[in-house]
Amino acid sequence: MLNPKMLEELSSRFSELIAASPARDLEKNAKAMASAMFSRLDLVTREEFDVQREVLARTRAQLEALEARVADLESRLAAREG
């Protein structure tokens, strides 16, 4: 298996090779195109996603508590009427 240091060195050498060739312009253009494409998409960061997931979980818990409370109140009301 390749160790991380070897992979880092290989990546560094590959970057140097690209910087000294016309491939650098292709890389810049590809990055710009990818950046433009991603900016048009409605994406959120992982952090934003996790925050919203927590908010949703709390909201669901509150909804379940309120549903249980309504069911209890309805049963009490039915017992009084019946």
C-alpha atoms as a PDB file:
ATOM      1  CA  MET A   1       0.000   0.000   0.000  1.00  0.00           C
ATOM      2  CA  LEU A   2       1.051   3.581  -0.563  1.00  0.00           C
ATOM      3  CA  ASN A   3       1.727   5.605   2.516  1.00  0.00           C
ATOM      4  CA  PRO A   4       0.295   9.124   2.866  1.00  0.00           C
ATOM      5  CA  LYS A   5       3.703  10.789   2.511  1.00  0.00           C
ATOM      6  CA  MET A   6       4.308   8.992  -0.780  1.00  0.00           C
ATOM      7  CA  LEU A   7       0.876  10.034  -2.050  1.00  0.00           C
ATOM      8  CA  GLU A   8       1.525  13.630  -1.025  1.00  0.00           C
ATOM      9  CA  GLU A   9       4.873  13.621  -2.832  1.00  0.00           C
ATOM     10  CA  LEU A  10       3.287  12.099  -5.940  1.00  0.00           C
ATOM     11  CA  SER A  11       0.553  14.722  -5.860  1.00  0.00           C
ATOM     12  CA  SER A  12       3.113  17.483  -5.444  1.00  0.00           C
ATOM     13  CA  ARG A  13       5.166  16.266  -8.394  1.00  0.00           C
ATOM     14  CA  PHE A  14       2.051  15.904 -10.523  1.00  0.00           C
ATOM     15  CA  SER A  15       1.040  19.470  -9.642  1.00  0.00           C
ATOM     16  CA  GLU A  16       4.496  20.734 -10.603  1.00  0.00           C
ATOM     17  CA  LEU A  17       4.271  18.905 -13.914  1.00  0.00           C
ATOM     18  CA  ILE A  18       0.851  20.374 -14.643  1.00  0.00           C
ATOM     19  CA  ALA A  19       2.011  23.875 -13.674  1.00  0.00           C
ATOM     20  CA  ALA A  20       4.751  23.673 -16.271  1.00  0.00           C
ATOM     21  CA  SER A  21       2.483  22.504 -19.086  1.00  0.00           C
ATOM     22  CA  PRO A  22      -0.557  23.657 -21.063  1.00  0.00           C
ATOM     23  CA  ALA A  23      -2.578  21.313 -18.863  1.00  0.00           C
ATOM     24  CA  ARG A  24      -2.514  24.088 -16.241  1.00  0.00           C
ATOM     25  CA  ASP A  25      -4.834  26.187 -18.370  1.00  0.00           C
ATOM     26  CA  LEU A  26      -7.097  23.190 -18.844  1.00  0.00           C
ATOM     27  CA  GLU A  27      -7.158  22.640 -15.093  1.00  0.00           C
ATOM     28  CA  LYS A  28      -8.035  26.299 -14.457  1.00  0.00           C
ATOM     29  CA  ASN A  29     -10.787  26.171 -17.068  1.00  0.00           C
ATOM     30  CA  ALA A  30     -12.167  22.910 -15.656  1.00  0.00           C
ATOM     31  CA  LYS A  31     -12.186  24.351 -12.134  1.00  0.00           C
ATOM     32  CA  ALA A  32     -13.915  27.507 -13.344  1.00  0.00           C
ATOM     33  CA  MET A  33     -16.529  25.486 -15.204  1.00  0.00           C
ATOM     34  CA  ALA A  34     -17.125  23.234 -12.203  1.00  0.00           C
ATOM     35  CA  SER A  35     -17.370  26.239  -9.905  1.00  0.00           C
ATOM     36  CA  ALA A  36     -19.890  27.907 -12.224  1.00  0.00           C
ATOM     37  CA  MET A  37     -21.924  24.701 -12.440  1.00  0.00           C
ATOM     38  CA  PHE A  38     -21.995  24.243  -8.664  1.00  0.00           C
ATOM     39  CA  SER A  39     -22.944  27.876  -8.078  1.00  0.00           C
ATOM     40  CA  ARG A  40     -26.051  27.377 -10.235  1.00  0.00           C
ATOM     41  CA  LEU A  41     -27.116  24.367  -8.185  1.00  0.00           C
ATOM     42  CA  ASP A  42     -28.981  24.843  -4.944  1.00  0.00           C
ATOM     43  CA  LEU A  43     -26.417  23.168  -2.686  1.00  0.00           C
ATOM     44  CA  VAL A  44     -25.775  23.509   1.027  1.00  0.00           C
ATOM     45  CA  THR A  45     -22.723  22.724   3.072  1.00  0.00           C
ATOM     46  CA  ARG A  46     -22.593  19.654   5.277  1.00  0.00           C
ATOM     47  CA  GLU A  47     -22.653  21.929   8.325  1.00  0.00           C
ATOM     48  CA  GLU A  48     -25.846  23.649   7.142  1.00  0.00           C
ATOM     49  CA  PHE A  49     -27.396  20.265   6.398  1.00  0.00           C
ATOM     50  CA  ASP A  50     -26.557  18.950   9.874  1.00  0.00           C
ATOM     51  CA  VAL A  51     -27.998  22.070  11.529  1.00  0.00           C
ATOM     52  CA  GLN A  52     -31.242  21.724   9.578  1.00  0.00           C
ATOM     53  CA  ARG A  53     -31.416  18.016  10.411  1.00  0.00           C
ATOM     54  CA  GLU A  54     -31.182  18.859  14.124  1.00  0.00           C
ATOM     55  CA  VAL A  55     -33.871  21.532  13.766  1.00  0.00           C
ATOM     56  CA  LEU A  56     -36.112  19.015  12.001  1.00  0.00           C
ATOM     57  CA  ALA A  57     -35.544  16.406  14.724  1.00  0.00           C
ATOM     58  CA  ARG A  58     -36.504  18.916  17.444  1.00  0.00           C
ATOM     59  CA  THR A  59     -39.561  19.990  15.449  1.00  0.00           C
ATOM     60  CA  ARG A  60     -40.655  16.382  15.030  1.00  0.00           C
ATOM     61  CA  ALA A  61     -40.268  15.769  18.757  1.00  0.00           C
ATOM     62  CA  GLN A  62     -42.355  18.842  19.545  1.00  0.00           C
ATOM     63  CA  LEU A  63     -44.997  17.758  17.037  1.00  0.00           C
ATOM     64  CA  GLU A  64     -45.194  14.296  18.588  1.00  0.00           C
ATOM     65  CA  ALA A  65     -45.546  15.841  22.060  1.00  0.00           C
ATOM     66  CA  LEU A  66     -48.314  18.139  20.843  1.00  0.00           C
ATOM     67  CA  GLU A  67     -50.102  15.257  19.094  1.00  0.00           C
ATOM     68  CA  ALA A  68     -49.993  13.254  22.330  1.00  0.00           C
ATOM     69  CA  ARG A  69     -51.302  16.242  24.284  1.00  0.00           C
ATOM     70  CA  VAL A  70     -54.185  16.781  21.815  1.00  0.00           C
ATOM     71  CA  ALA A  71     -55.055  13.074  21.959  1.00  0.00           C
ATOM     72  CA  ASP A  72     -55.095  13.243  25.764  1.00  0.00           C
ATOM     73  CA  LEU A  73     -57.289  16.353  25.764  1.00  0.00           C
ATOM     74  CA  GLU A  74     -59.645  14.788  23.238  1.00  0.00           C
ATOM     75  CA  SER A  75     -59.985  11.654  25.329  1.00  0.00           C
ATOM     76  CA  ARG A  76     -60.682  13.724  28.477  1.00  0.00           C
ATOM     77  CA  LEU A  77     -63.313  15.713  26.602  1.00  0.00           C
ATOM     78  CA  ALA A  78     -64.914  12.541  25.271  1.00  0.00           C
ATOM     79  CA  ALA A  79     -64.987  11.092  28.808  1.00  0.00           C
ATOM     80  CA  ARG A  80     -66.759  14.193  30.131  1.00  0.00           C
ATOM     81  CA  GLU A  81     -69.316  14.153  27.337  1.00  0.00           C
ATOM     82  CA  GLY A  82     -69.902  10.441  27.477  1.00  0.00           C
END
